[in-house]
Amino acid sequence: MLETSARLLRLLSLLQGRRDWTAAELSERLGVSCRTVRKDVDRLRRLGYPVRARPGVSGGYRLGPGGGLPPLLLDEEEAVAVAVGLRTAASGSVTGIEEVSVRALAKVQQVLPARLRRRVEAISAYALPTPSPDPTVDAAVLTLIAGACRDHERIRFDYRSGTGATTSRDVEPYRLVHDRRRWYLLAWDTTRSAWRSFRADRITPRVPGGPRFTPRPLPSDEAVTALVSRGPWPYRARVVVHAPAQYVRDHMPVRVEVTELGPDRCEFRPGSDHPLSLALYLGLLDADFTVVDGPELVEALGKLAARYSRAI
C-alpha cells in the first residue's frame, strides 16, 4: 500500500509538471506497466483529480483545471524555491502581482517546516531588492506567452520598437528569458524566417493566436545571449576594450557578446535605451576602452567626464 501511495504521488507530480504525457512515457518514468498507469489514473480520479484521457494509439493523459484541485506537491527544495520566487516577485519586474505575491508567500510560509521557514526568512532578511527605473511587464502577458511556449502555439502581437514605431508580428514562441531585470521572448519570426528576441514589456498580444507548430531545434546558449544582447536597442555602439575578452565578460553587469582581438584586446557592441546608461556600464569595467562607433555614446561620455571633473 505504501508503495502504491508513493507511486500515486510521483504520478501526480509528473502530471502537474507537464501538459501532456503518453501512457508509455508515464510507464517508463514510473517503472510500471501501462495497465498499472491506467489503474493509478483511475485512483487519482476517485480522489478528485481531473485527469483527462486522450484516445488513440498515441493517447495519453493531461491534468485538467479544477477549482477543487488539491494542493501542488512540492519537495523541500521546490518549496524553498517557490517561497524565494514569490518574495522576489513582490518587488520584481512583473507589474500587477506584487500584492498577490505577498499573500501567496504568507500561505506558503505557514505550511513550511520550521527548518525550511528559517531558510526562507534568512534570504528575505538579508537579500534586499534594489530599486530600478526599468519598465515592468504585465503578468497576464507573461502568462499568455509562457502558455504558448508550453503548448507550441503561434502568437500574434503588436510590437513597439525603441523609437515608438509599432509593427505586427506572427511568431513561434520558444522561451522567456530574464536578463538585466527585463523579460525577453525568444521566438522564430515567421515573416522574416529568423530567430528574434522581443522585449516583453513592448508586446501587446492579439487574439486569437495562431495554430500549433512543430518545434525547431533551439539555437545555442551563445546564440541566445547574442540575440538578447543585440536586442532592439535604440542606441548602440562599437567599443574596443584594452583588456582580455574574459575580463570584460566577468566585469560587465550584463551579459555581452565579446570578440577577442588579441590577448589584451577585445571588441563588443553594447546597446541601451539611453546612451548615458552605456557610458555608466563602460565606467564599471575599470579598463581603458576606445569608442570606435557611437556618436551618442561619445557625447554621453563627454558629459560624464565634465561632471566628474567638476566633482573633484
C-alpha atoms as a PDB file:
ATOM      1  CA  MET A   1       0.000   0.000   0.000  1.00  0.00           C
ATOM      2  CA  LEU A   2       2.847   2.365   0.863  1.00  0.00           C
ATOM      3  CA  GLU A   3       4.494   1.653  -2.499  1.00  0.00           C
ATOM      4  CA  THR A   4       1.232   2.391  -4.343  1.00  0.00           C
ATOM      5  CA  SER A   5       0.737   5.674  -2.460  1.00  0.00           C
ATOM      6  CA  ALA A   6       4.273   6.809  -3.232  1.00  0.00           C
ATOM      7  CA  ARG A   7       3.736   5.951  -6.907  1.00  0.00           C
ATOM      8  CA  LEU A   8       0.477   7.935  -6.971  1.00  0.00           C
ATOM      9  CA  LEU A   9       2.282  10.966  -5.572  1.00  0.00           C
ATOM     10  CA  ARG A  10       5.000  10.572  -8.188  1.00  0.00           C
ATOM     11  CA  LEU A  11       2.386  10.237 -10.946  1.00  0.00           C
ATOM     12  CA  LEU A  12       0.586  13.348  -9.751  1.00  0.00           C
ATOM     13  CA  SER A  13       3.849  15.267  -9.632  1.00  0.00           C
ATOM     14  CA  LEU A  14       4.604  14.280 -13.254  1.00  0.00           C
ATOM     15  CA  LEU A  15       1.138  15.321 -14.436  1.00  0.00           C
ATOM     16  CA  GLN A  16       1.492  18.672 -12.692  1.00  0.00           C
ATOM     17  CA  GLY A  17       4.898  19.303 -14.239  1.00  0.00           C
ATOM     18  CA  ARG A  18       3.975  18.916 -17.924  1.00  0.00           C
ATOM     19  CA  ARG A  19       0.864  19.450 -20.004  1.00  0.00           C
ATOM     20  CA  ASP A  20       0.678  16.113 -21.884  1.00  0.00           C
ATOM     21  CA  TRP A  21       2.028  12.646 -21.181  1.00  0.00           C
ATOM     22  CA  THR A  22       1.608   9.447 -23.174  1.00  0.00           C
ATOM     23  CA  ALA A  23       0.871   6.243 -21.298  1.00  0.00           C
ATOM     24  CA  ALA A  24       4.220   4.843 -22.474  1.00  0.00           C
ATOM     25  CA  GLU A  25       6.127   7.848 -21.115  1.00  0.00           C
ATOM     26  CA  LEU A  26       4.447   7.577 -17.717  1.00  0.00           C
ATOM     27  CA  SER A  27       5.047   3.835 -17.694  1.00  0.00           C
ATOM     28  CA  GLU A  28       8.767   4.352 -18.312  1.00  0.00           C
ATOM     29  CA  ARG A  29       9.127   7.117 -15.728  1.00  0.00           C
ATOM     30  CA  LEU A  30       7.279   5.158 -13.033  1.00  0.00           C
ATOM     31  CA  GLY A  31       8.784   1.766 -13.876  1.00  0.00           C
ATOM     32  CA  VAL A  32       5.417   0.045 -14.175  1.00  0.00           C
ATOM     33  CA  SER A  33       3.213  -1.293 -16.977  1.00  0.00           C
ATOM     34  CA  CYS A  34       0.736   0.811 -18.959  1.00  0.00           C
ATOM     35  CA  ARG A  35      -2.046  -1.181 -17.315  1.00  0.00           C
ATOM     36  CA  THR A  36      -0.812  -0.104 -13.872  1.00  0.00           C
ATOM     37  CA  VAL A  37      -0.663   3.504 -15.086  1.00  0.00           C
ATOM     38  CA  ARG A  38      -4.334   3.282 -16.115  1.00  0.00           C
ATOM     39  CA  LYS A  39      -5.273   1.899 -12.694  1.00  0.00           C
ATOM     40  CA  ASP A  40      -3.326   4.668 -10.936  1.00  0.00           C
ATOM     41  CA  VAL A  41      -5.025   7.305 -13.096  1.00  0.00           C
ATOM     42  CA  ASP A  42      -8.406   5.879 -12.049  1.00  0.00           C
ATOM     43  CA  ARG A  43      -7.337   6.131  -8.389  1.00  0.00           C
ATOM     44  CA  LEU A  44      -6.403   9.790  -8.864  1.00  0.00           C
ATOM     45  CA  ARG A  45      -9.798  10.462 -10.433  1.00  0.00           C
ATOM     46  CA  ARG A  46     -11.560   8.911  -7.467  1.00  0.00           C
ATOM     47  CA  LEU A  47      -9.555  11.254  -5.226  1.00  0.00           C
ATOM     48  CA  GLY A  48     -10.881  14.245  -7.154  1.00  0.00           C
ATOM     49  CA  TYR A  49      -8.069  14.959  -9.595  1.00  0.00           C
ATOM     50  CA  PRO A  50      -9.453  15.807 -13.075  1.00  0.00           C
ATOM     51  CA  VAL A  51      -7.139  13.620 -15.172  1.00  0.00           C
ATOM     52  CA  ARG A  52      -8.238  13.706 -18.808  1.00  0.00           C
ATOM     53  CA  ALA A  53      -7.503  10.904 -21.269  1.00  0.00           C
ATOM     54  CA  ARG A  54      -6.652  11.383 -24.933  1.00  0.00           C
ATOM     55  CA  PRO A  55      -7.806   8.461 -27.125  1.00  0.00           C
ATOM     56  CA  GLY A  56      -5.847   6.850 -29.947  1.00  0.00           C
ATOM     57  CA  VAL A  57      -2.733   4.761 -30.446  1.00  0.00           C
ATOM     58  CA  SER A  58      -0.538   7.524 -29.029  1.00  0.00           C
ATOM     59  CA  GLY A  59      -3.158   8.522 -26.470  1.00  0.00           C
ATOM     60  CA  GLY A  60      -2.121   9.931 -23.163  1.00  0.00           C
ATOM     61  CA  TYR A  61      -3.141  11.926 -20.122  1.00  0.00           C
ATOM     62  CA  ARG A  62      -3.449  15.538 -19.072  1.00  0.00           C
ATOM     63  CA  LEU A  63      -4.241  17.066 -15.681  1.00  0.00           C
ATOM     64  CA  GLY A  64      -7.187  19.385 -16.279  1.00  0.00           C
ATOM     65  CA  PRO A  65      -8.057  22.545 -14.359  1.00  0.00           C
ATOM     66  CA  GLY A  66     -10.486  22.436 -11.467  1.00  0.00           C
ATOM     67  CA  GLY A  67     -11.441  24.587  -8.521  1.00  0.00           C
ATOM     68  CA  GLY A  68     -11.293  21.597  -6.180  1.00  0.00           C
ATOM     69  CA  LEU A  69      -7.812  20.537  -7.227  1.00  0.00           C
ATOM     70  CA  PRO A  70      -5.793  19.566  -4.135  1.00  0.00           C
ATOM     71  CA  PRO A  71      -2.551  21.419  -3.355  1.00  0.00           C
ATOM     72  CA  LEU A  72       0.550  21.101  -5.507  1.00  0.00           C
ATOM     73  CA  LEU A  73       3.124  18.548  -4.473  1.00  0.00           C
ATOM     74  CA  LEU A  74       6.477  20.167  -3.790  1.00  0.00           C
ATOM     75  CA  ASP A  75       9.636  18.678  -2.369  1.00  0.00           C
ATOM     76  CA  GLU A  76      11.704  20.683   0.112  1.00  0.00           C
ATOM     77  CA  GLU A  77      13.946  22.375  -2.438  1.00  0.00           C
ATOM     78  CA  GLU A  78      10.973  23.239  -4.657  1.00  0.00           C
ATOM     79  CA  ALA A  79       9.107  24.743  -1.693  1.00  0.00           C
ATOM     80  CA  VAL A  80      12.059  26.983  -0.838  1.00  0.00           C
ATOM     81  CA  ALA A  81      12.404  27.988  -4.499  1.00  0.00           C
ATOM     82  CA  VAL A  82       8.707  28.922  -4.677  1.00  0.00           C
ATOM     83  CA  ALA A  83       8.917  30.978  -1.490  1.00  0.00           C
ATOM     84  CA  VAL A  84      12.025  32.848  -2.657  1.00  0.00           C
ATOM     85  CA  GLY A  85      10.449  33.390  -6.087  1.00  0.00           C
ATOM     86  CA  LEU A  86       7.323  34.879  -4.524  1.00  0.00           C
ATOM     87  CA  ARG A  87       9.454  37.158  -2.364  1.00  0.00           C
ATOM     88  CA  THR A  88      11.287  38.357  -5.475  1.00  0.00           C
ATOM     89  CA  ALA A  89       8.039  38.797  -7.399  1.00  0.00           C
ATOM     90  CA  ALA A  90       6.699  41.080  -4.675  1.00  0.00           C
ATOM     91  CA  SER A  91       9.269  43.673  -5.726  1.00  0.00           C
ATOM     92  CA  GLY A  92      10.304  42.442  -9.151  1.00  0.00           C
ATOM     93  CA  SER A  93       9.790  43.435 -12.770  1.00  0.00           C
ATOM     94  CA  VAL A  94       6.300  41.977 -13.281  1.00  0.00           C
ATOM     95  CA  THR A  95       3.555  44.502 -12.613  1.00  0.00           C
ATOM     96  CA  GLY A  96       0.209  43.725 -11.030  1.00  0.00           C
ATOM     97  CA  ILE A  97       1.290  40.736  -8.938  1.00  0.00           C
ATOM     98  CA  GLU A  98       3.069  42.396  -6.008  1.00  0.00           C
ATOM     99  CA  GLU A  99       0.171  42.193  -3.529  1.00  0.00           C
ATOM    100  CA  VAL A 100      -0.866  38.738  -4.745  1.00  0.00           C
ATOM    101  CA  SER A 101       2.700  37.503  -4.326  1.00  0.00           C
ATOM    102  CA  VAL A 102       2.799  38.726  -0.717  1.00  0.00           C
ATOM    103  CA  ARG A 103      -0.468  36.920   0.080  1.00  0.00           C
ATOM    104  CA  ALA A 104       0.708  33.709  -1.593  1.00  0.00           C
ATOM    105  CA  LEU A 105       4.056  33.913   0.217  1.00  0.00           C
ATOM    106  CA  ALA A 106       2.288  34.175   3.583  1.00  0.00           C
ATOM    107  CA  LYS A 107       0.323  30.995   2.796  1.00  0.00           C
ATOM    108  CA  VAL A 108       3.418  29.090   1.669  1.00  0.00           C
ATOM    109  CA  GLN A 109       5.385  30.083   4.761  1.00  0.00           C
ATOM    110  CA  GLN A 110       2.577  28.857   7.023  1.00  0.00           C
ATOM    111  CA  VAL A 111       2.891  25.296   5.739  1.00  0.00           C
ATOM    112  CA  LEU A 112       6.688  25.154   5.512  1.00  0.00           C
ATOM    113  CA  PRO A 113       8.507  23.059   8.123  1.00  0.00           C
ATOM    114  CA  ALA A 114      10.373  25.156  10.671  1.00  0.00           C
ATOM    115  CA  ARG A 115      13.823  24.440   9.214  1.00  0.00           C
ATOM    116  CA  LEU A 116      12.722  25.493   5.711  1.00  0.00           C
ATOM    117  CA  ARG A 117      10.909  28.549   7.039  1.00  0.00           C
ATOM    118  CA  ARG A 118      14.138  29.715   8.672  1.00  0.00           C
ATOM    119  CA  ARG A 119      15.965  29.386   5.325  1.00  0.00           C
ATOM    120  CA  VAL A 120      13.360  31.490   3.553  1.00  0.00           C
ATOM    121  CA  GLU A 121      13.287  34.099   6.330  1.00  0.00           C
ATOM    122  CA  ALA A 122      17.092  34.377   6.234  1.00  0.00           C
ATOM    123  CA  ILE A 123      17.041  35.013   2.487  1.00  0.00           C
ATOM    124  CA  SER A 124      14.210  37.521   2.879  1.00  0.00           C
ATOM    125  CA  ALA A 125      16.018  39.391   5.657  1.00  0.00           C
ATOM    126  CA  TYR A 126      19.424  39.691   4.031  1.00  0.00           C
ATOM    127  CA  ALA A 127      18.670  39.808   0.285  1.00  0.00           C
ATOM    128  CA  LEU A 128      17.414  43.332  -0.256  1.00  0.00           C
ATOM    129  CA  PRO A 129      15.947  44.305  -3.650  1.00  0.00           C
ATOM    130  CA  THR A 130      17.411  47.336  -5.412  1.00  0.00           C
ATOM    131  CA  PRO A 131      15.048  49.924  -6.882  1.00  0.00           C
ATOM    132  CA  SER A 132      15.106  50.163 -10.645  1.00  0.00           C
ATOM    133  CA  PRO A 133      13.545  52.540 -13.184  1.00  0.00           C
ATOM    134  CA  ASP A 134      13.265  49.686 -15.693  1.00  0.00           C
ATOM    135  CA  PRO A 135       9.822  49.116 -17.242  1.00  0.00           C
ATOM    136  CA  THR A 136       7.649  46.361 -15.808  1.00  0.00           C
ATOM    137  CA  VAL A 137       5.718  43.642 -17.627  1.00  0.00           C
ATOM    138  CA  ASP A 138       2.032  42.814 -17.291  1.00  0.00           C
ATOM    139  CA  ALA A 139       1.724  39.403 -15.608  1.00  0.00           C
ATOM    140  CA  ALA A 140      -1.110  38.456 -17.981  1.00  0.00           C
ATOM    141  CA  VAL A 141       1.192  38.988 -20.969  1.00  0.00           C
ATOM    142  CA  LEU A 142       3.907  36.787 -19.467  1.00  0.00           C
ATOM    143  CA  THR A 143       1.347  34.089 -18.650  1.00  0.00           C
ATOM    144  CA  LEU A 144      -0.039  34.127 -22.185  1.00  0.00           C
ATOM    145  CA  ILE A 145       3.443  33.902 -23.713  1.00  0.00           C
ATOM    146  CA  ALA A 146       4.525  31.120 -21.345  1.00  0.00           C
ATOM    147  CA  GLY A 147       1.406  29.112 -22.178  1.00  0.00           C
ATOM    148  CA  ALA A 148       2.051  29.496 -25.908  1.00  0.00           C
ATOM    149  CA  CYS A 149       5.667  28.354 -25.436  1.00  0.00           C
ATOM    150  CA  ARG A 150       4.500  25.310 -23.497  1.00  0.00           C
ATOM    151  CA  ASP A 151       1.758  24.343 -25.957  1.00  0.00           C
ATOM    152  CA  HIS A 152       3.757  25.162 -29.122  1.00  0.00           C
ATOM    153  CA  GLU A 153       1.142  27.634 -30.349  1.00  0.00           C
ATOM    154  CA  ARG A 154       1.956  30.588 -32.577  1.00  0.00           C
ATOM    155  CA  ILE A 155       1.094  34.022 -31.225  1.00  0.00           C
ATOM    156  CA  ARG A 156       0.380  37.336 -32.929  1.00  0.00           C
ATOM    157  CA  PHE A 157       1.117  40.669 -31.310  1.00  0.00           C
ATOM    158  CA  ASP A 158       1.782  44.336 -31.912  1.00  0.00           C
ATOM    159  CA  TYR A 159       5.369  45.232 -31.111  1.00  0.00           C
ATOM    160  CA  ARG A 160       6.544  48.714 -30.154  1.00  0.00           C
ATOM    161  CA  SER A 161      10.165  49.478 -31.035  1.00  0.00           C
ATOM    162  CA  GLY A 162      12.510  51.733 -29.083  1.00  0.00           C
ATOM    163  CA  THR A 163      11.616  54.607 -31.397  1.00  0.00           C
ATOM    164  CA  GLY A 164       7.893  54.147 -30.756  1.00  0.00           C
ATOM    165  CA  ALA A 165       7.062  52.569 -34.140  1.00  0.00           C
ATOM    166  CA  THR A 166       4.598  49.659 -33.975  1.00  0.00           C
ATOM    167  CA  THR A 167       4.682  46.565 -36.181  1.00  0.00           C
ATOM    168  CA  SER A 168       2.566  43.402 -36.293  1.00  0.00           C
ATOM    169  CA  ARG A 169       4.389  40.134 -35.623  1.00  0.00           C
ATOM    170  CA  ASP A 170       3.483  36.464 -36.074  1.00  0.00           C
ATOM    171  CA  VAL A 171       5.944  34.192 -34.270  1.00  0.00           C
ATOM    172  CA  GLU A 172       6.598  30.713 -32.937  1.00  0.00           C
ATOM    173  CA  PRO A 173       7.388  31.318 -29.245  1.00  0.00           C
ATOM    174  CA  TYR A 174      10.030  29.170 -27.542  1.00  0.00           C
ATOM    175  CA  ARG A 175      11.432  30.676 -24.369  1.00  0.00           C
ATOM    176  CA  LEU A 176      11.053  33.575 -21.950  1.00  0.00           C
ATOM    177  CA  VAL A 177      14.473  34.953 -20.989  1.00  0.00           C
ATOM    178  CA  HIS A 178      15.005  37.161 -17.933  1.00  0.00           C
ATOM    179  CA  ASP A 179      18.056  39.370 -18.250  1.00  0.00           C
ATOM    180  CA  ARG A 180      19.023  42.782 -16.866  1.00  0.00           C
ATOM    181  CA  ARG A 181      15.743  42.959 -14.902  1.00  0.00           C
ATOM    182  CA  ARG A 182      13.829  42.641 -18.167  1.00  0.00           C
ATOM    183  CA  TRP A 183      11.883  39.859 -19.851  1.00  0.00           C
ATOM    184  CA  TYR A 184      12.512  38.815 -23.450  1.00  0.00           C
ATOM    185  CA  LEU A 185      10.690  36.429 -25.735  1.00  0.00           C
ATOM    186  CA  LEU A 186      12.894  34.169 -27.846  1.00  0.00           C
ATOM    187  CA  ALA A 187      10.897  33.276 -30.952  1.00  0.00           C
ATOM    188  CA  TRP A 188      11.052  32.295 -34.600  1.00  0.00           C
ATOM    189  CA  ASP A 189       9.701  35.186 -36.669  1.00  0.00           C
ATOM    190  CA  THR A 190       7.618  33.524 -39.399  1.00  0.00           C
ATOM    191  CA  THR A 191       7.611  36.630 -41.604  1.00  0.00           C
ATOM    192  CA  ARG A 192      11.383  37.172 -41.500  1.00  0.00           C
ATOM    193  CA  SER A 193      12.252  33.447 -41.245  1.00  0.00           C
ATOM    194  CA  ALA A 194      14.793  34.110 -38.497  1.00  0.00           C
ATOM    195  CA  TRP A 195      15.274  33.909 -34.749  1.00  0.00           C
ATOM    196  CA  ARG A 196      14.388  37.121 -32.949  1.00  0.00           C
ATOM    197  CA  SER A 197      14.182  38.416 -29.386  1.00  0.00           C
ATOM    198  CA  PHE A 198      11.398  40.747 -28.254  1.00  0.00           C
ATOM    199  CA  ARG A 199      11.107  42.873 -25.133  1.00  0.00           C
ATOM    200  CA  ALA A 200       8.057  41.534 -23.300  1.00  0.00           C
ATOM    201  CA  ASP A 201       7.083  44.968 -21.969  1.00  0.00           C
ATOM    202  CA  ARG A 202       6.687  46.137 -25.597  1.00  0.00           C
ATOM    203  CA  ILE A 203       4.388  43.279 -26.617  1.00  0.00           C
ATOM    204  CA  THR A 204       0.628  43.763 -26.943  1.00  0.00           C
ATOM    205  CA  PRO A 205      -0.927  40.351 -27.697  1.00  0.00           C
ATOM    206  CA  ARG A 206      -3.604  39.984 -30.359  1.00  0.00           C
ATOM    207  CA  VAL A 207      -6.271  37.315 -30.058  1.00  0.00           C
ATOM    208  CA  PRO A 208      -6.941  34.746 -31.198  1.00  0.00           C
ATOM    209  CA  GLY A 209      -3.478  33.258 -31.504  1.00  0.00           C
ATOM    210  CA  GLY A 210      -2.196  31.103 -34.304  1.00  0.00           C
ATOM    211  CA  PRO A 211      -2.155  27.350 -34.897  1.00  0.00           C
ATOM    212  CA  ARG A 212       0.154  24.843 -33.242  1.00  0.00           C
ATOM    213  CA  PHE A 213       3.612  24.322 -34.715  1.00  0.00           C
ATOM    214  CA  THR A 214       6.300  21.674 -34.768  1.00  0.00           C
ATOM    215  CA  PRO A 215       9.201  22.891 -32.577  1.00  0.00           C
ATOM    216  CA  ARG A 216      12.511  23.714 -34.256  1.00  0.00           C
ATOM    217  CA  PRO A 217      15.921  22.963 -32.726  1.00  0.00           C
ATOM    218  CA  LEU A 218      16.769  25.784 -30.353  1.00  0.00           C
ATOM    219  CA  PRO A 219      19.827  27.958 -31.012  1.00  0.00           C
ATOM    220  CA  SER A 220      22.835  27.509 -28.756  1.00  0.00           C
ATOM    221  CA  ASP A 221      23.138  29.330 -25.424  1.00  0.00           C
ATOM    222  CA  GLU A 222      25.731  31.619 -27.005  1.00  0.00           C
ATOM    223  CA  ALA A 223      23.353  32.453 -29.848  1.00  0.00           C
ATOM    224  CA  VAL A 224      20.549  33.214 -27.390  1.00  0.00           C
ATOM    225  CA  THR A 225      22.873  35.509 -25.435  1.00  0.00           C
ATOM    226  CA  ALA A 226      23.781  37.278 -28.656  1.00  0.00           C
ATOM    227  CA  LEU A 227      20.126  37.686 -29.639  1.00  0.00           C
ATOM    228  CA  VAL A 228      19.228  39.221 -26.291  1.00  0.00           C
ATOM    229  CA  SER A 229      22.333  41.409 -26.084  1.00  0.00           C
ATOM    230  CA  ARG A 230      21.672  42.615 -29.635  1.00  0.00           C
ATOM    231  CA  GLY A 231      18.059  43.329 -28.703  1.00  0.00           C
ATOM    232  CA  PRO A 232      16.103  46.178 -30.255  1.00  0.00           C
ATOM    233  CA  TRP A 233      18.087  48.906 -28.533  1.00  0.00           C
ATOM    234  CA  PRO A 234      17.550  52.440 -29.834  1.00  0.00           C
ATOM    235  CA  TYR A 235      21.202  53.279 -29.055  1.00  0.00           C
ATOM    236  CA  ARG A 236      24.153  51.084 -29.961  1.00  0.00           C
ATOM    237  CA  ALA A 237      27.916  51.461 -30.094  1.00  0.00           C
ATOM    238  CA  ARG A 238      31.053  49.603 -31.099  1.00  0.00           C
ATOM    239  CA  VAL A 239      33.718  49.590 -28.402  1.00  0.00           C
ATOM    240  CA  VAL A 240      37.255  48.198 -28.258  1.00  0.00           C
ATOM    241  CA  VAL A 241      38.408  47.392 -24.724  1.00  0.00           C
ATOM    242  CA  HIS A 242      42.108  47.163 -23.905  1.00  0.00           C
ATOM    243  CA  ALA A 243      41.709  44.081 -21.708  1.00  0.00           C
ATOM    244  CA  PRO A 244      41.201  40.314 -22.206  1.00  0.00           C
ATOM    245  CA  ALA A 245      37.814  39.234 -23.524  1.00  0.00           C
ATOM    246  CA  GLN A 246      37.099  37.127 -20.434  1.00  0.00           C
ATOM    247  CA  TYR A 247      37.795  40.104 -18.199  1.00  0.00           C
ATOM    248  CA  VAL A 248      35.064  42.054 -19.996  1.00  0.00           C
ATOM    249  CA  ARG A 249      32.588  39.169 -19.722  1.00  0.00           C
ATOM    250  CA  ASP A 250      33.284  38.850 -15.995  1.00  0.00           C
ATOM    251  CA  HIS A 251      33.087  42.557 -15.177  1.00  0.00           C
ATOM    252  CA  MET A 252      30.183  43.815 -17.250  1.00  0.00           C
ATOM    253  CA  PRO A 253      26.988  43.959 -15.141  1.00  0.00           C
ATOM    254  CA  VAL A 254      25.078  42.458 -18.072  1.00  0.00           C
ATOM    255  CA  ARG A 255      25.735  39.567 -20.449  1.00  0.00           C
ATOM    256  CA  VAL A 256      27.510  40.666 -23.622  1.00  0.00           C
ATOM    257  CA  GLU A 257      28.894  39.015 -26.742  1.00  0.00           C
ATOM    258  CA  VAL A 258      32.633  39.744 -26.857  1.00  0.00           C
ATOM    259  CA  THR A 259      35.024  39.206 -29.786  1.00  0.00           C
ATOM    260  CA  GLU A 260      38.675  38.589 -28.915  1.00  0.00           C
ATOM    261  CA  LEU A 261      41.117  40.743 -30.904  1.00  0.00           C
ATOM    262  CA  GLY A 262      44.261  39.683 -29.049  1.00  0.00           C
ATOM    263  CA  PRO A 263      45.484  38.591 -25.621  1.00  0.00           C
ATOM    264  CA  ASP A 264      44.710  42.020 -24.109  1.00  0.00           C
ATOM    265  CA  ARG A 265      42.260  43.485 -26.592  1.00  0.00           C
ATOM    266  CA  CYS A 266      38.645  42.733 -27.473  1.00  0.00           C
ATOM    267  CA  GLU A 267      35.558  44.272 -29.045  1.00  0.00           C
ATOM    268  CA  PHE A 268      31.852  44.245 -28.254  1.00  0.00           C
ATOM    269  CA  ARG A 269      28.729  46.118 -29.370  1.00  0.00           C
ATOM    270  CA  PRO A 270      26.655  47.147 -26.350  1.00  0.00           C
ATOM    271  CA  GLY A 271      23.171  48.602 -26.604  1.00  0.00           C
ATOM    272  CA  SER A 272      20.843  50.506 -24.307  1.00  0.00           C
ATOM    273  CA  ASP A 273      17.694  52.594 -24.125  1.00  0.00           C
ATOM    274  CA  HIS A 274      19.841  55.629 -23.303  1.00  0.00           C
ATOM    275  CA  PRO A 275      23.455  56.483 -24.212  1.00  0.00           C
ATOM    276  CA  LEU A 276      24.102  57.572 -20.620  1.00  0.00           C
ATOM    277  CA  SER A 277      23.442  54.001 -19.479  1.00  0.00           C
ATOM    278  CA  LEU A 278      26.065  52.780 -21.946  1.00  0.00           C
ATOM    279  CA  ALA A 279      28.564  55.258 -20.569  1.00  0.00           C
ATOM    280  CA  LEU A 280      27.906  54.172 -16.988  1.00  0.00           C
ATOM    281  CA  TYR A 281      28.229  50.471 -17.844  1.00  0.00           C
ATOM    282  CA  LEU A 282      31.574  51.081 -19.532  1.00  0.00           C
ATOM    283  CA  GLY A 283      32.757  53.005 -16.497  1.00  0.00           C
ATOM    284  CA  LEU A 284      32.167  49.919 -14.362  1.00  0.00           C
ATOM    285  CA  LEU A 285      34.677  47.949 -16.437  1.00  0.00           C
ATOM    286  CA  ASP A 286      37.670  49.624 -14.775  1.00  0.00           C
ATOM    287  CA  ALA A 287      39.634  49.247 -18.036  1.00  0.00           C
ATOM    288  CA  ASP A 288      40.696  51.543 -20.872  1.00  0.00           C
ATOM    289  CA  PHE A 289      38.484  51.489 -23.952  1.00  0.00           C
ATOM    290  CA  THR A 290      38.035  53.209 -27.303  1.00  0.00           C
ATOM    291  CA  VAL A 291      34.685  54.091 -28.850  1.00  0.00           C
ATOM    292  CA  VAL A 292      35.002  53.045 -32.499  1.00  0.00           C
ATOM    293  CA  ASP A 293      31.426  53.895 -33.422  1.00  0.00           C
ATOM    294  CA  GLY A 294      28.591  55.516 -31.459  1.00  0.00           C
ATOM    295  CA  PRO A 295      28.305  59.328 -31.534  1.00  0.00           C
ATOM    296  CA  GLU A 296      25.595  59.317 -28.853  1.00  0.00           C
ATOM    297  CA  LEU A 297      27.904  57.390 -26.530  1.00  0.00           C
ATOM    298  CA  VAL A 298      30.772  59.799 -27.215  1.00  0.00           C
ATOM    299  CA  GLU A 299      28.523  62.720 -26.268  1.00  0.00           C
ATOM    300  CA  ALA A 300      27.352  60.985 -23.098  1.00  0.00           C
ATOM    301  CA  LEU A 301      30.950  60.191 -22.077  1.00  0.00           C
ATOM    302  CA  GLY A 302      31.868  63.844 -22.591  1.00  0.00           C
ATOM    303  CA  LYS A 303      29.053  64.951 -20.281  1.00  0.00           C
ATOM    304  CA  LEU A 304      30.097  62.450 -17.625  1.00  0.00           C
ATOM    305  CA  ALA A 305      33.753  63.436 -17.890  1.00  0.00           C
ATOM    306  CA  ALA A 306      32.866  67.106 -17.409  1.00  0.00           C
ATOM    307  CA  ARG A 307      30.598  66.273 -14.459  1.00  0.00           C
ATOM    308  CA  TYR A 308      33.222  64.108 -12.752  1.00  0.00           C
ATOM    309  CA  SER A 309      35.878  66.746 -13.377  1.00  0.00           C
ATOM    310  CA  ARG A 310      33.719  69.372 -11.655  1.00  0.00           C
ATOM    311  CA  ALA A 311      33.136  66.989  -8.760  1.00  0.00           C
ATOM    312  CA  ILE A 312      36.861  66.760  -7.939  1.00  0.00           C
END
